[in-house]
Amino acid sequence: MDLINGTVTVKGICFDKDGTLFDFAATWEAWAKALLLRLTEGDPARAHMLGALIGFDLTACKFAQDSLVIAGTAGEVADVLAPHVSRLSRDALLNMINDEAAHAPQQPAVPLRPLLEGFRSQGLALGVATNDSEGPALSHLSAAGVVDLFDFIAGYDSGYGGKPAPGQLLAFAQAVNLHPSEIVMVGDSTHDLHAGRAAGMRTIGVLTGPAGTEELAPFADVVLRDIGEIPAWLGVQKAS
């Protein structure tokens, strides 16, 4: 069954992962602290210095609004840190970043399986497009018990590039044989929304990441509190 919102037929939803399916702060603040202390072998002064390079305050355990981590890729984080971590090669550093990411605690933004099963019951194709690496993304979705509900999962290293470029989203559309106009991109950052618009999709902003309504609204068809409000926006009921 197609879902109608206004005059647009929605047949698929592509989600960002961090800050969208999962609460951003609960996951990535813990990741950043663990990574920085591991990189510096527990040296707090060096950990603070490295944290500042990626927009993370180790004392407050908070990201700056313009932190690279919020919308950047693991590769971009590695590129920034590598010149300051001489004991590791860039590849070894990236492996450490991904290892810490794979083990970072995940707090779903809402109970995921009932929501996603509701979408599936309506015949919607579901995808994930994340600037995280593919390996940690699969680990996170598996741990949450929802990896089987997605038709398509891509990280920045899956061969389609990262957001705000539209490559991942266009690959999802092709994988599920849908026109981009039939798909909604859901994300918590302007990178997500720019990617959706560039792909020719409708866009939904959610407030479970660092960005607020004022930042997201210019690039979103609607800004919702979290992904749990999507069924109402689409005009359908969650699966009971």
Protein backbone atom coordinates (compact mmCIF):
# COMPACT_ATOMS: atom_id res chain seq x y z
CA MET A 1 0.00 0.00 0.00
CA ASP A 2 1.31 3.45 -0.88
CA LEU A 3 1.24 6.10 1.81
CA ILE A 4 0.05 9.55 0.87
CA ASN A 5 1.14 12.84 2.40
CA GLY A 6 -0.34 15.72 0.45
CA THR A 7 0.16 14.90 -3.20
CA VAL A 8 3.30 12.80 -2.73
CA THR A 9 3.18 9.02 -2.73
CA VAL A 10 5.70 7.71 -0.21
CA LYS A 11 6.99 4.22 -0.88
CA GLY A 12 10.28 4.29 0.99
CA ILE A 13 12.07 5.88 3.94
CA CYS A 14 15.83 6.28 4.25
CA PHE A 15 17.11 7.02 7.75
CA ASP A 16 20.30 8.53 9.01
CA LYS A 17 21.57 6.46 11.94
CA ASP A 18 23.16 8.57 14.66
CA GLY A 19 20.87 11.25 16.04
CA THR A 20 17.97 9.75 14.11
CA LEU A 21 17.51 6.04 14.84
CA PHE A 22 19.70 6.45 17.92
CA ASP A 23 20.09 9.36 20.31
CA PHE A 24 23.27 11.20 19.32
CA ALA A 25 24.55 12.34 22.70
CA ALA A 26 24.05 9.02 24.48
CA THR A 27 26.18 7.24 21.91
CA TRP A 28 28.84 9.61 20.68
CA GLU A 29 29.75 11.45 23.86
CA ALA A 30 30.67 8.08 25.40
CA TRP A 31 32.53 7.13 22.19
CA ALA A 32 34.56 10.35 22.15
CA LYS A 33 35.64 10.06 25.77
CA ALA A 34 36.66 6.43 25.38
CA LEU A 35 38.51 7.08 22.12
CA LEU A 36 40.43 10.10 23.38
CA LEU A 37 41.57 8.35 26.55
CA ARG A 38 42.57 5.26 24.55
CA LEU A 39 44.51 7.32 22.01
CA THR A 40 46.42 9.17 24.73
CA GLU A 41 46.83 6.18 27.05
CA GLY A 42 44.93 8.05 29.73
CA ASP A 43 46.82 11.35 29.52
CA PRO A 44 44.11 13.94 30.31
CA ALA A 45 46.01 16.95 28.93
CA ARG A 46 46.59 15.30 25.56
CA ALA A 47 43.06 13.94 25.54
CA HIS A 48 41.71 17.48 26.01
CA MET A 49 43.94 18.73 23.18
CA LEU A 50 42.80 16.02 20.77
CA GLY A 51 39.20 16.56 21.83
CA ALA A 52 39.42 20.23 20.90
CA LEU A 53 40.52 19.24 17.38
CA ILE A 54 37.24 17.39 16.82
CA GLY A 55 35.03 19.82 18.73
CA PHE A 56 34.64 17.79 21.93
CA ASP A 57 34.99 19.18 25.46
CA LEU A 58 36.29 16.29 27.55
CA THR A 59 35.53 18.02 30.87
CA ALA A 60 31.89 18.73 30.02
CA CYS A 61 31.65 15.58 27.85
CA LYS A 62 29.86 17.62 25.17
CA PHE A 63 30.29 18.31 21.47
CA ALA A 64 30.40 21.80 20.04
CA GLN A 65 27.58 22.59 17.62
CA ASP A 66 30.06 22.70 14.75
CA SER A 67 31.94 19.52 15.73
CA LEU A 68 33.24 17.47 12.81
CA VAL A 69 31.88 14.35 14.48
CA ILE A 70 28.26 15.47 14.20
CA ALA A 71 28.01 15.17 10.44
CA GLY A 72 31.47 14.06 9.32
CA THR A 73 32.78 10.61 8.48
CA ALA A 74 35.12 8.40 10.48
CA GLY A 75 37.69 8.97 7.75
CA GLU A 76 37.48 12.73 8.21
CA VAL A 77 37.93 12.36 11.96
CA ALA A 78 40.99 10.17 11.35
CA ASP A 79 42.44 12.75 8.96
CA VAL A 80 42.18 15.47 11.62
CA LEU A 81 43.64 13.39 14.44
CA ALA A 82 46.35 11.47 12.57
CA PRO A 83 48.98 14.26 12.49
CA HIS A 84 48.77 14.43 16.29
CA VAL A 85 48.91 10.68 16.99
CA SER A 86 52.32 9.71 15.63
CA ARG A 87 52.36 6.25 17.23
CA LEU A 88 49.59 5.09 14.89
CA SER A 89 49.31 5.05 11.14
CA ARG A 90 46.24 6.70 9.66
CA ASP A 91 44.76 3.24 8.88
CA ALA A 92 45.45 1.98 12.39
CA LEU A 93 43.84 5.12 13.81
CA LEU A 94 40.77 4.63 11.62
CA ASN A 95 40.52 1.02 12.80
CA MET A 96 40.61 2.23 16.41
CA ILE A 97 37.92 4.83 15.70
CA ASN A 98 35.71 2.16 14.14
CA ASP A 99 36.38 -0.30 16.95
CA GLU A 100 35.33 2.22 19.59
CA ALA A 101 32.29 3.11 17.48
CA ALA A 102 31.23 -0.52 17.17
CA HIS A 103 31.26 -0.84 20.96
CA ALA A 104 29.70 2.53 21.77
CA PRO A 105 26.46 2.31 23.76
CA GLN A 106 23.35 2.74 21.65
CA GLN A 107 20.16 4.35 22.94
CA PRO A 108 17.32 4.10 20.42
CA ALA A 109 15.49 7.37 19.88
CA VAL A 110 12.21 5.43 20.22
CA PRO A 111 11.42 1.69 20.43
CA LEU A 112 12.67 0.80 16.98
CA ARG A 113 11.30 -2.62 16.13
CA PRO A 114 7.58 -1.81 16.55
CA LEU A 115 7.97 1.39 14.55
CA LEU A 116 9.92 -0.22 11.72
CA GLU A 117 7.64 -3.27 11.61
CA GLY A 118 4.74 -0.86 11.26
CA PHE A 119 6.37 0.72 8.24
CA ARG A 120 7.12 -2.69 6.76
CA SER A 121 3.52 -3.77 7.25
CA GLN A 122 2.51 -0.81 5.09
CA GLY A 123 4.81 -1.98 2.29
CA LEU A 124 7.46 0.68 2.75
CA ALA A 125 11.05 0.03 1.69
CA LEU A 126 13.51 1.00 4.45
CA GLY A 127 17.14 2.06 4.24
CA VAL A 128 19.96 3.50 6.33
CA ALA A 129 22.48 6.01 4.99
CA THR A 130 25.09 6.97 7.57
CA ASN A 131 28.39 8.82 7.63
CA ASP A 132 29.56 6.20 10.11
CA SER A 133 31.50 3.26 8.68
CA GLU A 134 29.44 0.32 7.45
CA GLY A 135 30.88 -2.14 9.99
CA PRO A 136 29.86 -0.23 13.13
CA ALA A 137 26.50 0.60 11.53
CA LEU A 138 25.75 -3.10 11.05
CA SER A 139 26.88 -3.80 14.62
CA HIS A 140 24.62 -1.09 16.03
CA LEU A 141 21.56 -2.17 14.04
CA SER A 142 22.17 -5.83 14.88
CA ALA A 143 22.52 -5.06 18.58
CA ALA A 144 19.23 -3.14 18.43
CA GLY A 145 17.57 -6.15 16.83
CA VAL A 146 16.47 -4.34 13.67
CA VAL A 147 19.09 -5.05 11.01
CA ASP A 148 16.75 -7.53 9.28
CA LEU A 149 14.10 -4.83 8.71
CA PHE A 150 16.22 -2.80 6.32
CA ASP A 151 16.47 -3.34 2.58
CA PHE A 152 19.65 -1.29 2.30
CA ILE A 153 22.39 -0.16 4.72
CA ALA A 154 25.31 2.02 3.63
CA GLY A 155 28.16 3.70 5.45
CA TYR A 156 30.45 6.35 4.02
CA ASP A 157 32.85 3.54 3.06
CA SER A 158 30.29 1.36 1.23
CA GLY A 159 31.20 2.72 -2.18
CA TYR A 160 28.61 5.50 -2.57
CA GLY A 161 30.38 8.34 -0.75
CA GLY A 162 29.12 10.20 2.28
CA LYS A 163 26.55 12.90 2.93
CA PRO A 164 25.83 15.71 2.01
CA ALA A 165 26.44 14.13 -1.40
CA PRO A 166 23.42 12.08 -2.55
CA GLY A 167 25.21 8.89 -3.59
CA GLN A 168 23.99 6.69 -0.73
CA LEU A 169 20.40 7.82 -1.20
CA LEU A 170 20.40 7.28 -4.94
CA ALA A 171 21.88 3.82 -4.39
CA PHE A 172 19.02 3.05 -1.98
CA ALA A 173 16.45 4.20 -4.53
CA GLN A 174 18.04 1.99 -7.17
CA ALA A 175 18.28 -0.99 -4.80
CA VAL A 176 14.56 -0.90 -4.02
CA ASN A 177 13.52 0.15 -7.54
CA LEU A 178 11.89 3.42 -6.50
CA HIS A 179 12.08 6.93 -7.93
CA PRO A 180 13.76 9.31 -5.45
CA SER A 181 10.57 11.39 -5.31
CA GLU A 182 8.84 8.38 -3.75
CA ILE A 183 11.32 8.31 -0.84
CA VAL A 184 11.61 10.42 2.33
CA MET A 185 15.05 11.07 3.82
CA VAL A 186 15.02 11.41 7.62
CA GLY A 187 17.92 12.93 9.50
CA ASP A 188 19.08 15.11 12.36
CA SER A 189 21.65 17.25 10.53
CA THR A 190 21.74 19.60 7.58
CA HIS A 191 24.11 17.12 5.89
CA ASP A 192 21.25 14.59 5.89
CA LEU A 193 18.73 17.08 4.56
CA HIS A 194 21.06 18.47 1.91
CA ALA A 195 21.71 14.92 0.71
CA GLY A 196 17.98 14.22 0.56
CA ARG A 197 17.24 17.36 -1.38
CA ALA A 198 20.15 16.71 -3.77
CA ALA A 199 18.77 13.22 -4.40
CA GLY A 200 15.32 14.61 -5.21
CA MET A 201 13.66 13.25 -2.06
CA ARG A 202 11.39 14.82 0.50
CA THR A 203 13.11 15.46 3.83
CA ILE A 204 12.20 15.15 7.49
CA GLY A 205 14.33 16.70 10.23
CA VAL A 206 14.31 15.21 13.73
CA LEU A 207 15.41 16.77 17.01
CA THR A 208 17.21 13.77 18.53
CA GLY A 209 20.60 15.11 17.44
CA PRO A 210 22.47 18.33 18.23
CA ALA A 211 20.67 20.56 15.69
CA GLY A 212 17.56 22.56 16.57
CA THR A 213 14.47 23.43 14.59
CA GLU A 214 15.83 26.74 13.31
CA GLU A 215 18.85 25.02 11.79
CA LEU A 216 16.90 22.18 10.18
CA ALA A 217 13.69 23.87 9.07
CA PRO A 218 15.03 25.64 5.96
CA PHE A 219 15.99 22.27 4.44
CA ALA A 220 13.15 20.05 5.70
CA ASP A 221 9.57 19.52 4.63
CA VAL A 222 8.81 19.08 8.30
CA VAL A 223 10.75 18.98 11.59
CA LEU A 224 9.56 16.37 14.09
CA ARG A 225 10.51 15.67 17.68
CA ASP A 226 11.67 12.15 16.77
CA ILE A 227 11.04 9.37 14.28
CA GLY A 228 8.11 8.15 16.36
CA GLU A 229 6.09 11.04 14.92
CA ILE A 230 6.58 9.93 11.31
CA PRO A 231 3.48 7.66 11.17
CA ALA A 232 1.22 10.54 12.15
CA TRP A 233 2.86 12.76 9.56
CA LEU A 234 2.29 10.10 6.94
CA GLY A 235 -1.28 9.64 8.12
CA VAL A 236 -0.93 6.01 9.22
CA GLN A 237 -1.01 4.19 12.52
CA LYS A 238 1.82 2.26 14.08
CA ALA A 239 1.52 -1.48 14.05
CA SER A 240 -0.05 -2.68 17.27
